[in-house]
Amino acid sequence: MGTTRRQTQTKRDVIIEVWESLDCESVGADELKEIQRVTREKFGAGAVESPAAIARALSDEGAVLRHPEVLECDARWREQNSGEAIFTEALNFGDLAESLESIQKLERWRSKLSFDSDEPGLRRLRAAVRKIREDCLLVARSEIVDESKRVVAAEIAQWLGIWLKQPEIFPDWIDLRKRSSDFVKRFGAVFS
């Protein structure tokens, strides 16, 4: 009766294993990206370390770092993963048509993050959407904002609320909403 030995790898083990398999004289951006790719495959997107953290671990193991590349790679990675700003910069909730386009972008991001099993990214996305929804609700309740803008803001807040609760049903829900007599009465045939 043989025993099976289960070997559990830590992220650090994977980082070092990938570095050793690359058999490179020094470590720069390409090597760090490859290590991130393998880490993502093994542990999920939320487990990916920053290039600087990977470089520190490799340096502790004796790797020679190409410091300017490491710093530039880390700065780019941090910029791309800087939280809510990633999600809000390309969104516009000024009117209903722009809002619908923005929610469609949100859904593409959500789908990608879900596919990548990126739970921290999904949390950041939901937090950004909750903030946008809160801003819309503030406009909707404001007594100094024009009535038509308040009505639009309330509608957008409702859309975002539905998307936050059940994003999978949003496309069907919005199709029904746009055809409802209440919507047509308030906004007319905004969408053709």
N, C-alpha and C. Protein backbone atom coordinates (compact mmCIF):
# COMPACT_ATOMS: atom_id res chain seq x y z
N MET A 1 0.84 -1.16 0.00
CA MET A 1 0.00 0.00 0.00
C MET A 1 0.90 1.23 0.00
N GLY A 2 0.89 1.98 -1.10
CA GLY A 2 1.73 3.16 -1.22
C GLY A 2 1.04 4.40 -0.69
N THR A 3 1.80 5.29 -0.22
CA THR A 3 1.22 6.54 0.26
C THR A 3 1.41 7.60 -0.80
N THR A 4 0.40 8.40 -0.94
CA THR A 4 0.48 9.49 -1.89
C THR A 4 0.93 10.73 -1.14
N ARG A 5 1.93 11.34 -1.65
CA ARG A 5 2.43 12.54 -1.01
C ARG A 5 1.88 13.75 -1.74
N ARG A 6 1.14 14.52 -1.00
CA ARG A 6 0.55 15.71 -1.59
C ARG A 6 1.47 16.89 -1.34
N GLN A 7 1.82 17.55 -2.42
CA GLN A 7 2.73 18.67 -2.31
C GLN A 7 1.94 19.95 -2.52
N THR A 8 1.92 20.80 -1.50
CA THR A 8 1.22 22.06 -1.60
C THR A 8 2.23 23.15 -1.90
N GLN A 9 1.96 23.89 -2.97
CA GLN A 9 2.87 24.97 -3.35
C GLN A 9 2.32 26.29 -2.85
N THR A 10 3.20 27.09 -2.30
CA THR A 10 2.82 28.45 -1.94
C THR A 10 3.08 29.35 -3.14
N LYS A 11 2.58 30.58 -3.05
CA LYS A 11 2.86 31.54 -4.13
C LYS A 11 4.36 31.75 -4.27
N ARG A 12 5.04 31.84 -3.14
CA ARG A 12 6.50 32.04 -3.17
C ARG A 12 7.17 30.88 -3.90
N ASP A 13 6.72 29.65 -3.63
CA ASP A 13 7.28 28.49 -4.32
C ASP A 13 7.10 28.61 -5.83
N VAL A 14 5.90 29.03 -6.24
CA VAL A 14 5.60 29.17 -7.67
C VAL A 14 6.47 30.26 -8.28
N ILE A 15 6.60 31.37 -7.58
CA ILE A 15 7.43 32.48 -8.07
C ILE A 15 8.86 32.00 -8.34
N ILE A 16 9.41 31.30 -7.38
CA ILE A 16 10.79 30.83 -7.51
C ILE A 16 10.90 29.75 -8.59
N GLU A 17 9.92 28.85 -8.63
CA GLU A 17 9.93 27.78 -9.63
C GLU A 17 9.88 28.35 -11.05
N VAL A 18 9.02 29.34 -11.27
CA VAL A 18 8.91 29.94 -12.61
C VAL A 18 10.21 30.66 -12.95
N TRP A 19 10.76 31.40 -12.01
CA TRP A 19 12.03 32.11 -12.24
C TRP A 19 13.12 31.11 -12.63
N GLU A 20 13.21 30.02 -11.90
CA GLU A 20 14.23 29.02 -12.21
C GLU A 20 14.00 28.39 -13.58
N SER A 21 12.73 28.18 -13.94
CA SER A 21 12.44 27.57 -15.24
C SER A 21 12.75 28.52 -16.40
N LEU A 22 12.71 29.82 -16.13
CA LEU A 22 13.04 30.79 -17.18
C LEU A 22 14.53 30.80 -17.48
N ASP A 23 15.34 30.35 -16.52
CA ASP A 23 16.79 30.24 -16.69
C ASP A 23 17.39 31.52 -17.27
N CYS A 24 17.10 32.62 -16.59
CA CYS A 24 17.57 33.92 -17.09
C CYS A 24 18.67 34.48 -16.19
N GLU A 25 19.52 35.29 -16.79
CA GLU A 25 20.62 35.87 -16.04
C GLU A 25 20.14 36.98 -15.11
N SER A 26 19.13 37.72 -15.55
CA SER A 26 18.59 38.79 -14.72
C SER A 26 17.08 38.86 -14.90
N VAL A 27 16.43 39.59 -14.01
CA VAL A 27 14.97 39.66 -14.01
C VAL A 27 14.52 41.09 -14.30
N GLY A 28 13.61 41.18 -15.29
CA GLY A 28 13.01 42.47 -15.66
C GLY A 28 11.53 42.30 -15.91
N ALA A 29 10.97 43.18 -16.69
CA ALA A 29 9.52 43.23 -16.91
C ALA A 29 8.97 41.93 -17.50
N ASP A 30 9.61 41.39 -18.52
CA ASP A 30 9.08 40.18 -19.17
C ASP A 30 9.01 39.01 -18.19
N GLU A 31 10.04 38.84 -17.41
CA GLU A 31 10.07 37.73 -16.45
C GLU A 31 9.01 37.93 -15.36
N LEU A 32 8.86 39.16 -14.90
CA LEU A 32 7.86 39.45 -13.86
C LEU A 32 6.44 39.19 -14.38
N LYS A 33 6.19 39.57 -15.61
CA LYS A 33 4.86 39.35 -16.21
C LYS A 33 4.58 37.85 -16.36
N GLU A 34 5.60 37.09 -16.74
CA GLU A 34 5.42 35.64 -16.88
C GLU A 34 5.12 35.01 -15.52
N ILE A 35 5.83 35.46 -14.50
CA ILE A 35 5.58 34.93 -13.14
C ILE A 35 4.16 35.30 -12.70
N GLN A 36 3.71 36.53 -12.99
CA GLN A 36 2.34 36.92 -12.66
C GLN A 36 1.33 36.05 -13.40
N ARG A 37 1.61 35.77 -14.67
CA ARG A 37 0.69 34.95 -15.48
C ARG A 37 0.52 33.56 -14.87
N VAL A 38 1.64 32.94 -14.52
CA VAL A 38 1.59 31.59 -13.95
C VAL A 38 0.90 31.62 -12.57
N THR A 39 1.21 32.62 -11.78
CA THR A 39 0.57 32.76 -10.46
C THR A 39 -0.94 32.90 -10.62
N ARG A 40 -1.36 33.70 -11.59
CA ARG A 40 -2.80 33.90 -11.85
C ARG A 40 -3.45 32.57 -12.24
N GLU A 41 -2.77 31.80 -13.09
CA GLU A 41 -3.31 30.50 -13.52
C GLU A 41 -3.46 29.53 -12.34
N LYS A 42 -2.48 29.54 -11.45
CA LYS A 42 -2.49 28.57 -10.34
C LYS A 42 -3.39 28.99 -9.19
N PHE A 43 -3.42 30.29 -8.89
CA PHE A 43 -4.10 30.74 -7.67
C PHE A 43 -5.27 31.70 -7.90
N GLY A 44 -5.45 32.18 -9.13
CA GLY A 44 -6.50 33.15 -9.41
C GLY A 44 -5.95 34.56 -9.43
N ALA A 45 -6.69 35.46 -10.08
CA ALA A 45 -6.21 36.83 -10.29
C ALA A 45 -5.99 37.58 -8.98
N GLY A 46 -6.79 37.29 -7.98
CA GLY A 46 -6.66 37.99 -6.70
C GLY A 46 -5.38 37.67 -5.97
N ALA A 47 -4.70 36.62 -6.34
CA ALA A 47 -3.47 36.20 -5.66
C ALA A 47 -2.21 36.77 -6.30
N VAL A 48 -2.36 37.47 -7.40
CA VAL A 48 -1.19 37.97 -8.12
C VAL A 48 -0.51 39.07 -7.31
N GLU A 49 0.78 38.88 -7.11
CA GLU A 49 1.59 39.86 -6.38
C GLU A 49 2.02 40.98 -7.31
N SER A 50 2.36 42.12 -6.73
CA SER A 50 2.89 43.22 -7.53
C SER A 50 4.26 42.84 -8.06
N PRO A 51 4.67 43.45 -9.18
CA PRO A 51 6.02 43.17 -9.68
C PRO A 51 7.11 43.45 -8.64
N ALA A 52 6.94 44.50 -7.83
CA ALA A 52 7.94 44.81 -6.81
C ALA A 52 8.02 43.70 -5.76
N ALA A 53 6.87 43.17 -5.35
CA ALA A 53 6.87 42.09 -4.35
C ALA A 53 7.54 40.83 -4.92
N ILE A 54 7.25 40.54 -6.18
CA ILE A 54 7.88 39.38 -6.83
C ILE A 54 9.39 39.60 -6.91
N ALA A 55 9.78 40.81 -7.31
CA ALA A 55 11.21 41.12 -7.43
C ALA A 55 11.91 40.99 -6.08
N ARG A 56 11.27 41.42 -4.99
CA ARG A 56 11.86 41.28 -3.65
C ARG A 56 12.09 39.81 -3.31
N ALA A 57 11.07 38.98 -3.58
CA ALA A 57 11.20 37.54 -3.30
C ALA A 57 12.35 36.94 -4.11
N LEU A 58 12.45 37.33 -5.36
CA LEU A 58 13.52 36.79 -6.22
C LEU A 58 14.89 37.30 -5.79
N SER A 59 14.95 38.55 -5.39
CA SER A 59 16.20 39.12 -4.91
C SER A 59 16.70 38.37 -3.67
N ASP A 60 15.76 38.01 -2.79
CA ASP A 60 16.11 37.23 -1.60
C ASP A 60 16.70 35.87 -1.97
N GLU A 61 16.33 35.37 -3.15
CA GLU A 61 16.84 34.09 -3.62
C GLU A 61 18.11 34.25 -4.46
N GLY A 62 18.58 35.49 -4.63
CA GLY A 62 19.82 35.71 -5.35
C GLY A 62 19.67 36.20 -6.77
N ALA A 63 18.44 36.51 -7.20
CA ALA A 63 18.25 36.99 -8.57
C ALA A 63 18.86 38.38 -8.73
N VAL A 64 19.39 38.63 -9.91
CA VAL A 64 19.89 39.96 -10.28
C VAL A 64 18.73 40.68 -10.95
N LEU A 65 18.40 41.86 -10.43
CA LEU A 65 17.26 42.61 -10.95
C LEU A 65 17.69 43.70 -11.90
N ARG A 66 16.91 43.89 -12.96
CA ARG A 66 17.09 45.04 -13.83
C ARG A 66 16.17 46.13 -13.26
N HIS A 67 16.69 46.86 -12.29
CA HIS A 67 15.89 47.77 -11.46
C HIS A 67 15.03 48.76 -12.23
N PRO A 68 15.54 49.44 -13.26
CA PRO A 68 14.66 50.39 -13.97
C PRO A 68 13.43 49.70 -14.57
N GLU A 69 13.63 48.50 -15.14
CA GLU A 69 12.50 47.75 -15.70
C GLU A 69 11.53 47.32 -14.62
N VAL A 70 12.07 46.88 -13.49
CA VAL A 70 11.22 46.44 -12.38
C VAL A 70 10.36 47.60 -11.90
N LEU A 71 10.98 48.75 -11.71
CA LEU A 71 10.23 49.93 -11.23
C LEU A 71 9.16 50.37 -12.23
N GLU A 72 9.51 50.39 -13.49
CA GLU A 72 8.55 50.80 -14.52
C GLU A 72 7.40 49.79 -14.61
N CYS A 73 7.73 48.51 -14.57
CA CYS A 73 6.71 47.46 -14.63
C CYS A 73 5.77 47.56 -13.42
N ASP A 74 6.34 47.80 -12.26
CA ASP A 74 5.54 47.91 -11.05
C ASP A 74 4.63 49.14 -11.11
N ALA A 75 5.17 50.25 -11.58
CA ALA A 75 4.36 51.48 -11.68
C ALA A 75 3.19 51.28 -12.64
N ARG A 76 3.46 50.65 -13.79
CA ARG A 76 2.38 50.37 -14.76
C ARG A 76 1.33 49.44 -14.16
N TRP A 77 1.78 48.40 -13.49
CA TRP A 77 0.86 47.44 -12.88
C TRP A 77 -0.01 48.12 -11.83
N ARG A 78 0.58 48.96 -11.00
CA ARG A 78 -0.18 49.66 -9.95
C ARG A 78 -1.19 50.63 -10.56
N GLU A 79 -0.79 51.29 -11.63
CA GLU A 79 -1.70 52.21 -12.31
C GLU A 79 -2.91 51.46 -12.86
N GLN A 80 -2.66 50.29 -13.42
CA GLN A 80 -3.74 49.49 -13.99
C GLN A 80 -4.61 48.85 -12.92
N ASN A 81 -4.10 48.72 -11.71
CA ASN A 81 -4.83 48.06 -10.63
C ASN A 81 -5.10 49.01 -9.48
N SER A 82 -5.36 50.27 -9.81
CA SER A 82 -5.48 51.28 -8.76
C SER A 82 -6.88 51.41 -8.19
N GLY A 83 -7.69 50.38 -8.23
CA GLY A 83 -8.98 50.42 -7.55
C GLY A 83 -10.07 51.04 -8.39
N GLU A 84 -10.91 51.81 -7.76
CA GLU A 84 -12.12 52.34 -8.38
C GLU A 84 -11.84 53.22 -9.59
N ALA A 85 -10.70 53.91 -9.60
CA ALA A 85 -10.39 54.80 -10.71
C ALA A 85 -10.40 54.05 -12.03
N ILE A 86 -9.99 52.79 -12.01
CA ILE A 86 -9.99 51.98 -13.22
C ILE A 86 -11.38 51.94 -13.82
N PHE A 87 -12.37 51.77 -12.97
CA PHE A 87 -13.73 51.56 -13.44
C PHE A 87 -14.46 52.85 -13.75
N THR A 88 -14.17 53.92 -13.04
CA THR A 88 -14.98 55.12 -13.19
C THR A 88 -14.48 56.07 -14.28
N GLU A 89 -13.21 55.97 -14.67
CA GLU A 89 -12.67 56.95 -15.62
C GLU A 89 -13.33 56.87 -17.00
N ALA A 90 -13.76 55.71 -17.41
CA ALA A 90 -14.31 55.55 -18.76
C ALA A 90 -15.84 55.54 -18.76
N LEU A 91 -16.45 55.93 -17.65
CA LEU A 91 -17.90 55.87 -17.53
C LEU A 91 -18.49 57.27 -17.55
N ASN A 92 -19.72 57.35 -18.09
CA ASN A 92 -20.41 58.63 -18.12
C ASN A 92 -21.88 58.37 -17.81
N PHE A 93 -22.37 59.03 -16.79
CA PHE A 93 -23.76 58.88 -16.39
C PHE A 93 -24.50 60.21 -16.50
N GLY A 94 -24.22 60.96 -17.58
CA GLY A 94 -24.83 62.27 -17.77
C GLY A 94 -26.26 62.20 -18.27
N ASP A 95 -26.57 61.20 -19.08
CA ASP A 95 -27.94 61.03 -19.56
C ASP A 95 -28.24 59.54 -19.67
N LEU A 96 -29.45 59.21 -20.08
CA LEU A 96 -29.86 57.80 -20.11
C LEU A 96 -29.07 56.98 -21.12
N ALA A 97 -28.86 57.53 -22.31
CA ALA A 97 -28.14 56.76 -23.34
C ALA A 97 -26.70 56.50 -22.91
N GLU A 98 -26.01 57.54 -22.40
CA GLU A 98 -24.63 57.35 -21.92
C GLU A 98 -24.58 56.38 -20.75
N SER A 99 -25.59 56.46 -19.89
CA SER A 99 -25.64 55.58 -18.73
C SER A 99 -25.78 54.13 -19.15
N LEU A 100 -26.62 53.87 -20.14
CA LEU A 100 -26.78 52.51 -20.62
C LEU A 100 -25.47 51.98 -21.20
N GLU A 101 -24.77 52.80 -21.97
CA GLU A 101 -23.46 52.40 -22.51
C GLU A 101 -22.48 52.10 -21.38
N SER A 102 -22.50 52.94 -20.35
CA SER A 102 -21.58 52.75 -19.22
C SER A 102 -21.90 51.48 -18.46
N ILE A 103 -23.17 51.17 -18.29
CA ILE A 103 -23.55 49.94 -17.59
C ILE A 103 -23.13 48.72 -18.43
N GLN A 104 -23.20 48.84 -19.73
CA GLN A 104 -22.73 47.75 -20.59
C GLN A 104 -21.22 47.55 -20.42
N LYS A 105 -20.46 48.65 -20.27
CA LYS A 105 -19.02 48.53 -19.98
C LYS A 105 -18.81 47.85 -18.63
N LEU A 106 -19.60 48.27 -17.64
CA LEU A 106 -19.49 47.65 -16.32
C LEU A 106 -19.71 46.15 -16.41
N GLU A 107 -20.69 45.77 -17.21
CA GLU A 107 -21.00 44.34 -17.34
C GLU A 107 -19.86 43.59 -18.01
N ARG A 108 -19.21 44.20 -19.00
CA ARG A 108 -18.06 43.55 -19.64
C ARG A 108 -16.93 43.37 -18.62
N TRP A 109 -16.68 44.42 -17.81
CA TRP A 109 -15.65 44.33 -16.78
C TRP A 109 -16.01 43.26 -15.76
N ARG A 110 -17.28 43.23 -15.35
CA ARG A 110 -17.73 42.25 -14.36
C ARG A 110 -17.54 40.83 -14.90
N SER A 111 -17.92 40.63 -16.14
CA SER A 111 -17.77 39.30 -16.76
C SER A 111 -16.31 38.88 -16.80
N LYS A 112 -15.44 39.79 -17.18
CA LYS A 112 -14.01 39.46 -17.25
C LYS A 112 -13.46 39.15 -15.85
N LEU A 113 -13.81 39.98 -14.88
CA LEU A 113 -13.33 39.74 -13.52
C LEU A 113 -13.86 38.42 -12.97
N SER A 114 -15.11 38.10 -13.28
CA SER A 114 -15.69 36.81 -12.85
C SER A 114 -14.96 35.65 -13.52
N PHE A 115 -14.72 35.78 -14.82
CA PHE A 115 -14.01 34.74 -15.56
C PHE A 115 -12.62 34.51 -14.98
N ASP A 116 -11.96 35.62 -14.59
CA ASP A 116 -10.62 35.54 -14.01
C ASP A 116 -10.63 35.14 -12.54
N SER A 117 -11.82 34.97 -11.96
CA SER A 117 -11.97 34.68 -10.51
C SER A 117 -11.28 35.75 -9.67
N ASP A 118 -11.41 37.00 -10.11
CA ASP A 118 -10.76 38.13 -9.43
C ASP A 118 -11.73 38.74 -8.42
N GLU A 119 -11.82 38.13 -7.25
CA GLU A 119 -12.75 38.62 -6.21
C GLU A 119 -12.40 40.03 -5.74
N PRO A 120 -11.11 40.36 -5.51
CA PRO A 120 -10.82 41.74 -5.12
C PRO A 120 -11.24 42.75 -6.20
N GLY A 121 -11.03 42.39 -7.46
CA GLY A 121 -11.45 43.26 -8.55
C GLY A 121 -12.96 43.43 -8.59
N LEU A 122 -13.69 42.34 -8.36
CA LEU A 122 -15.16 42.42 -8.33
C LEU A 122 -15.63 43.29 -7.18
N ARG A 123 -14.97 43.18 -6.03
CA ARG A 123 -15.35 44.04 -4.89
C ARG A 123 -15.10 45.51 -5.21
N ARG A 124 -13.97 45.80 -5.85
CA ARG A 124 -13.67 47.19 -6.22
C ARG A 124 -14.70 47.71 -7.22
N LEU A 125 -15.05 46.86 -8.18
CA LEU A 125 -16.04 47.26 -9.18
C LEU A 125 -17.38 47.58 -8.52
N ARG A 126 -17.84 46.68 -7.65
CA ARG A 126 -19.13 46.91 -6.97
C ARG A 126 -19.07 48.16 -6.11
N ALA A 127 -17.94 48.39 -5.44
CA ALA A 127 -17.79 49.59 -4.61
C ALA A 127 -17.86 50.85 -5.47
N ALA A 128 -17.23 50.82 -6.63
CA ALA A 128 -17.28 51.97 -7.53
C ALA A 128 -18.70 52.23 -8.00
N VAL A 129 -19.43 51.16 -8.32
CA VAL A 129 -20.81 51.32 -8.80
C VAL A 129 -21.71 51.82 -7.67
N ARG A 130 -21.50 51.31 -6.46
CA ARG A 130 -22.29 51.82 -5.32
C ARG A 130 -22.07 53.31 -5.12
N LYS A 131 -20.83 53.76 -5.30
CA LYS A 131 -20.52 55.19 -5.16
C LYS A 131 -21.23 56.00 -6.24
N ILE A 132 -21.20 55.52 -7.47
CA ILE A 132 -21.88 56.22 -8.57
C ILE A 132 -23.38 56.28 -8.28
N ARG A 133 -23.93 55.18 -7.79
CA ARG A 133 -25.37 55.13 -7.47
C ARG A 133 -25.70 56.13 -6.36
N GLU A 134 -24.87 56.18 -5.33
CA GLU A 134 -25.08 57.15 -4.25
C GLU A 134 -25.06 58.57 -4.79
N ASP A 135 -24.14 58.88 -5.69
CA ASP A 135 -24.08 60.21 -6.30
C ASP A 135 -25.37 60.51 -7.07
N CYS A 136 -25.87 59.52 -7.79
CA CYS A 136 -27.13 59.71 -8.53
C CYS A 136 -28.29 59.95 -7.57
N LEU A 137 -28.32 59.22 -6.47
CA LEU A 137 -29.38 59.41 -5.48
C LEU A 137 -29.31 60.80 -4.85
N LEU A 138 -28.11 61.31 -4.62
CA LEU A 138 -27.96 62.67 -4.08
C LEU A 138 -28.54 63.69 -5.05
N VAL A 139 -28.25 63.53 -6.34
CA VAL A 139 -28.80 64.44 -7.35
C VAL A 139 -30.32 64.30 -7.39
N ALA A 140 -30.81 63.07 -7.33
CA ALA A 140 -32.25 62.83 -7.39
C ALA A 140 -32.99 63.48 -6.23
N ARG A 141 -32.35 63.60 -5.08
CA ARG A 141 -32.99 64.17 -3.88
C ARG A 141 -32.73 65.66 -3.71
N SER A 142 -31.85 66.20 -4.51
CA SER A 142 -31.46 67.61 -4.36
C SER A 142 -32.60 68.55 -4.73
N GLU A 143 -32.79 69.57 -3.92
CA GLU A 143 -33.83 70.57 -4.21
C GLU A 143 -33.32 71.69 -5.12
N ILE A 144 -32.02 71.74 -5.30
CA ILE A 144 -31.48 72.81 -6.14
C ILE A 144 -31.22 72.38 -7.58
N VAL A 145 -31.38 71.08 -7.85
CA VAL A 145 -31.18 70.56 -9.20
C VAL A 145 -32.51 70.59 -9.95
N ASP A 146 -32.43 70.90 -11.22
CA ASP A 146 -33.60 70.94 -12.09
C ASP A 146 -34.38 69.63 -12.01
N GLU A 147 -35.70 69.71 -12.05
CA GLU A 147 -36.59 68.54 -11.93
C GLU A 147 -36.26 67.46 -12.96
N SER A 148 -36.02 67.84 -14.20
CA SER A 148 -35.75 66.83 -15.24
C SER A 148 -34.46 66.07 -14.94
N LYS A 149 -33.45 66.75 -14.41
CA LYS A 149 -32.19 66.08 -14.05
C LYS A 149 -32.38 65.16 -12.85
N ARG A 150 -33.24 65.56 -11.92
CA ARG A 150 -33.51 64.71 -10.76
C ARG A 150 -34.19 63.42 -11.19
N VAL A 151 -35.13 63.52 -12.14
CA VAL A 151 -35.85 62.34 -12.62
C VAL A 151 -34.90 61.38 -13.33
N VAL A 152 -34.03 61.93 -14.15
CA VAL A 152 -33.04 61.09 -14.86
C VAL A 152 -32.09 60.44 -13.85
N ALA A 153 -31.62 61.20 -12.87
CA ALA A 153 -30.71 60.65 -11.86
C ALA A 153 -31.37 59.53 -11.07
N ALA A 154 -32.66 59.69 -10.74
CA ALA A 154 -33.38 58.64 -10.01
C ALA A 154 -33.50 57.38 -10.87
N GLU A 155 -33.76 57.56 -12.15
CA GLU A 155 -33.87 56.42 -13.07
C GLU A 155 -32.53 55.69 -13.16
N ILE A 156 -31.44 56.43 -13.31
CA ILE A 156 -30.11 55.83 -13.41
C ILE A 156 -29.77 55.09 -12.12
N ALA A 157 -30.11 55.68 -10.98
CA ALA A 157 -29.87 55.03 -9.69
C ALA A 157 -30.63 53.70 -9.62
N GLN A 158 -31.86 53.68 -10.15
CA GLN A 158 -32.64 52.45 -10.17
C GLN A 158 -31.92 51.40 -11.04
N TRP A 159 -31.44 51.81 -12.21
CA TRP A 159 -30.73 50.89 -13.09
C TRP A 159 -29.53 50.29 -12.38
N LEU A 160 -28.74 51.17 -11.74
CA LEU A 160 -27.54 50.69 -11.06
C LEU A 160 -27.89 49.76 -9.90
N GLY A 161 -28.99 50.04 -9.22
CA GLY A 161 -29.43 49.17 -8.14
C GLY A 161 -29.76 47.78 -8.65
N ILE A 162 -30.45 47.71 -9.78
CA ILE A 162 -30.77 46.40 -10.38
C ILE A 162 -29.48 45.70 -10.79
N TRP A 163 -28.58 46.43 -11.44
CA TRP A 163 -27.32 45.84 -11.88
C TRP A 163 -26.52 45.31 -10.68
N LEU A 164 -26.49 46.06 -9.59
CA LEU A 164 -25.74 45.61 -8.41
C LEU A 164 -26.34 44.34 -7.81
N LYS A 165 -27.66 44.25 -7.79
CA LYS A 165 -28.31 43.09 -7.18
C LYS A 165 -28.22 41.85 -8.06
N GLN A 166 -28.52 42.01 -9.34
CA GLN A 166 -28.53 40.86 -10.26
C GLN A 166 -28.08 41.29 -11.66
N PRO A 167 -26.77 41.44 -11.84
CA PRO A 167 -26.28 41.92 -13.13
C PRO A 167 -26.65 41.01 -14.30
N GLU A 168 -26.83 39.73 -14.04
CA GLU A 168 -27.14 38.79 -15.13
C GLU A 168 -28.49 39.09 -15.77
N ILE A 169 -29.44 39.62 -14.99
CA ILE A 169 -30.77 39.87 -15.55
C ILE A 169 -30.91 41.27 -16.11
N PHE A 170 -29.91 42.13 -15.90
CA PHE A 170 -30.04 43.52 -16.29
C PHE A 170 -30.42 43.72 -17.76
N PRO A 171 -29.78 43.04 -18.72
CA PRO A 171 -30.15 43.27 -20.13
C PRO A 171 -31.64 43.02 -20.40
N ASP A 172 -32.17 41.93 -19.86
CA ASP A 172 -33.60 41.65 -20.05
C ASP A 172 -34.46 42.67 -19.32
N TRP A 173 -34.04 43.00 -18.10
CA TRP A 173 -34.80 43.96 -17.29
C TRP A 173 -34.87 45.32 -17.98
N ILE A 174 -33.73 45.80 -18.52
CA ILE A 174 -33.71 47.13 -19.13
C ILE A 174 -34.54 47.14 -20.40
N ASP A 175 -34.55 46.05 -21.15
CA ASP A 175 -35.41 45.98 -22.34
C ASP A 175 -36.87 46.14 -21.95
N LEU A 176 -37.28 45.44 -20.90
CA LEU A 176 -38.66 45.57 -20.42
C LEU A 176 -38.94 46.97 -19.88
N ARG A 177 -37.99 47.51 -19.13
CA ARG A 177 -38.15 48.84 -18.54
C ARG A 177 -38.34 49.90 -19.62
N LYS A 178 -37.54 49.84 -20.68
CA LYS A 178 -37.63 50.85 -21.74
C LYS A 178 -38.97 50.80 -22.47
N ARG A 179 -39.62 49.64 -22.45
CA ARG A 179 -40.92 49.50 -23.12
C ARG A 179 -42.10 49.76 -22.19
N SER A 180 -41.82 49.92 -20.91
CA SER A 180 -42.91 50.12 -19.96
C SER A 180 -43.59 51.47 -20.20
N SER A 181 -44.87 51.53 -19.90
CA SER A 181 -45.62 52.78 -20.11
C SER A 181 -45.07 53.89 -19.22
N ASP A 182 -44.64 53.55 -18.00
CA ASP A 182 -44.07 54.55 -17.10
C ASP A 182 -42.81 55.18 -17.70
N PHE A 183 -41.94 54.36 -18.25
CA PHE A 183 -40.70 54.87 -18.85
C PHE A 183 -41.02 55.74 -20.06
N VAL A 184 -41.87 55.26 -20.95
CA VAL A 184 -42.21 56.01 -22.16
C VAL A 184 -42.89 57.33 -21.78
N LYS A 185 -43.73 57.31 -20.76
CA LYS A 185 -44.41 58.53 -20.31
C LYS A 185 -43.39 59.55 -19.77
N ARG A 186 -42.40 59.07 -19.00
CA ARG A 186 -41.39 59.98 -18.41
C ARG A 186 -40.35 60.46 -19.42
N PHE A 187 -39.89 59.54 -20.26
CA PHE A 187 -38.72 59.84 -21.07
C PHE A 187 -38.97 59.78 -22.58
N GLY A 188 -40.15 59.33 -22.98
CA GLY A 188 -40.41 59.19 -24.40
C GLY A 188 -39.62 58.05 -24.99
N ALA A 189 -39.48 58.08 -26.26
CA ALA A 189 -38.75 57.01 -26.96
C ALA A 189 -37.27 57.41 -27.06
N VAL A 190 -36.59 57.39 -25.91
CA VAL A 190 -35.17 57.78 -25.86
C VAL A 190 -34.34 56.84 -26.70
N PHE A 191 -34.66 55.58 -26.67
CA PHE A 191 -33.89 54.56 -27.38
C PHE A 191 -34.72 54.05 -28.54
N SER A 192 -34.10 53.98 -29.72
CA SER A 192 -34.86 53.43 -30.86
C SER A 192 -34.51 52.00 -31.08
